[in-house]
Protein backbone atom coordinates (compact mmCIF):
# COMPACT_ATOMS: atom_id res chain seq x y z
CA PHE A 1 94.96 106.63 119.41
CA GLY A 2 93.77 106.08 115.84
CA MET A 3 97.40 105.99 114.75
CA MET A 4 98.15 103.15 117.20
CA TYR A 5 95.22 101.06 116.01
CA THR A 6 95.93 101.41 112.32
CA LEU A 7 99.67 100.81 112.58
CA GLY A 8 99.16 97.89 114.96
CA GLY A 9 96.47 96.29 112.81
CA ALA A 10 98.83 94.97 110.15
CA ALA A 11 101.21 93.53 112.74
CA LEU A 12 98.32 91.86 114.54
CA TRP A 13 97.05 90.40 111.29
CA LEU A 14 100.56 89.08 110.55
CA VAL A 15 100.62 86.99 113.73
CA ASP A 16 96.93 86.04 113.36
CA GLY A 17 96.06 87.77 116.61
CA HIS A 18 92.66 89.23 115.78
CA VAL A 19 89.81 88.20 118.04
CA ARG A 20 87.44 85.51 116.77
CA VAL A 21 84.45 83.73 118.18
CA ASP A 22 85.86 80.22 118.32
CA VAL A 23 82.57 78.47 119.12
CA PHE A 24 82.30 77.23 115.51
CA TYR A 25 85.57 78.34 113.91
CA ALA A 26 87.86 76.06 115.94
CA LYS A 27 85.84 72.95 115.00
CA TRP A 28 85.89 73.60 111.26
CA SER A 29 88.35 72.03 108.84
CA ARG A 30 91.19 74.07 107.46
CA ARG A 31 89.19 74.65 104.26
CA GLY A 32 86.16 75.79 106.26
CA ARG A 33 88.27 78.25 108.25
CA ALA A 34 89.82 79.55 105.02
CA GLY A 35 86.33 80.05 103.53
CA ALA A 36 85.16 81.94 106.61
CA ASP A 37 88.33 84.07 106.49
CA ILE A 38 87.68 84.91 102.83
CA ILE A 39 84.16 86.10 103.62
CA THR A 40 85.22 88.15 106.64
CA SER A 41 88.17 89.59 104.71
CA VAL A 42 85.86 91.00 102.05
CA ILE A 43 83.70 92.57 104.77
CA SER A 44 86.72 94.01 106.57
CA TYR A 45 88.00 95.65 103.35
CA ILE A 46 84.93 97.91 103.43
CA PHE A 47 85.99 99.23 106.83
CA ILE A 48 89.66 99.46 105.82
CA LEU A 49 88.67 101.51 102.77
CA GLY A 50 86.62 103.81 105.00
CA ILE A 51 89.56 104.34 107.36
CA LEU A 52 91.87 104.95 104.42
CA ILE A 53 89.62 107.57 102.82
CA SER A 54 88.63 109.38 106.02
CA GLY A 55 92.21 109.26 107.33
CA TRP A 56 93.51 110.77 104.09
CA GLN A 57 90.92 113.56 104.28
CA LEU A 58 91.87 114.27 107.89
CA PHE A 59 95.53 114.40 106.89
CA ALA A 60 94.90 116.60 103.83
CA GLN A 61 92.83 119.11 105.82
CA GLY A 62 95.89 119.85 107.91
CA LEU A 63 98.00 120.87 104.91
CA ASP A 64 98.09 124.34 103.41
CA ARG A 65 97.01 124.90 99.81
CA ALA A 66 99.38 127.83 99.47
CA TYR A 67 102.42 125.55 99.71
CA LEU A 68 101.24 122.24 98.26
CA PRO A 69 99.33 121.08 95.18
CA GLU A 70 95.55 121.30 95.32
CA TRP A 71 95.05 117.50 95.00
CA LEU A 72 97.06 117.01 98.18
CA ALA A 73 96.15 119.89 100.45
CA LEU A 74 92.57 120.64 101.49
CA GLY A 75 93.25 123.13 104.27
CA TYR A 76 93.97 126.81 104.38
CA ASN A 77 96.66 126.88 107.03
CA MET A 78 99.07 124.40 108.48
CA ASP A 79 97.49 122.44 111.32
CA LEU A 80 99.60 123.44 114.33
CA SER A 81 99.19 122.79 118.01
CA GLN A 82 98.03 125.70 120.12
CA THR A 83 101.00 125.47 122.45
CA GLU A 84 104.18 127.52 122.42
CA TRP A 85 105.96 124.78 120.50
CA GLN A 86 103.63 125.03 117.48
CA ILE A 87 104.04 121.33 116.65
CA GLN A 88 102.65 120.26 113.29
CA TYR A 89 100.03 117.53 113.39
CA TRP A 90 100.35 116.28 109.81
CA PRO A 91 102.92 113.53 110.53
CA ILE A 92 100.63 111.98 113.14
CA LYS A 93 97.57 112.39 110.92
CA PHE A 94 99.45 110.78 108.02
CA ALA A 95 100.04 107.66 110.11
CA ILE A 96 96.29 106.86 110.01
CA PRO A 97 95.96 106.40 106.21
CA PHE A 98 99.44 104.86 106.08
CA GLY A 99 98.48 102.32 108.73
CA ALA A 100 95.23 101.58 106.89
CA PHE A 101 97.28 101.00 103.74
CA LEU A 102 99.52 98.56 105.62
CA VAL A 103 96.49 96.72 107.01
CA ALA A 104 95.06 96.50 103.47
CA LEU A 105 98.37 95.21 102.13
CA MET A 106 98.55 92.57 104.84
CA GLY A 107 94.91 91.73 104.18
CA VAL A 108 95.61 91.10 100.50
CA SER A 109 98.43 88.76 101.48
CA ARG A 110 96.19 86.84 103.87
CA PHE A 111 93.37 86.79 101.32
CA VAL A 112 95.61 85.19 98.69
CA LYS A 113 96.81 82.65 101.26
CA ASP A 114 93.23 81.82 102.26
CA VAL A 115 92.13 81.45 98.64
CA GLN A 116 95.03 79.07 97.97
CA THR A 117 94.17 77.06 101.08
CA PHE A 118 90.50 76.93 100.09
CA ARG A 119 91.27 75.81 96.54
CA HIS A 120 93.99 73.28 97.35
CA PHE A 121 92.96 72.07 100.79
CA SER A 122 93.08 68.39 99.82
CA GLU A 123 96.72 68.71 98.75
CA VAL A 124 97.66 70.63 101.90
CA ASP A 125 95.72 68.72 104.56
CA GLY A 126 95.31 65.38 102.90
CA GLY A 127 91.60 65.98 102.30
CA GLN A 128 90.64 66.93 105.85
């Protein structure tokens, strides 16, 4: 399920669908909301970085050092399912750091937009 959350996070951020407590946020001006989004974005990057690093380590532990460079592979045998099919888990495990990267990329885009709104709010909203 980690793969679903990380890959869906960037899409959810794109449509501004993340959950907020609108008790105060909805009453603020556009500049105030942009300032709050800047602060919460910086905090969320800490968690995104944690998901990216731990997801990469999880992915790299499933790769074999005998076949891949040492900087990439941390494991000693390919991570295979214990069924008769012997399905490799690395593509699914790779989706976690990839999804975290997409969330970070979308977060940078939103951060730049929020900074521009915060700096130029009087030009955008007419000073509201």
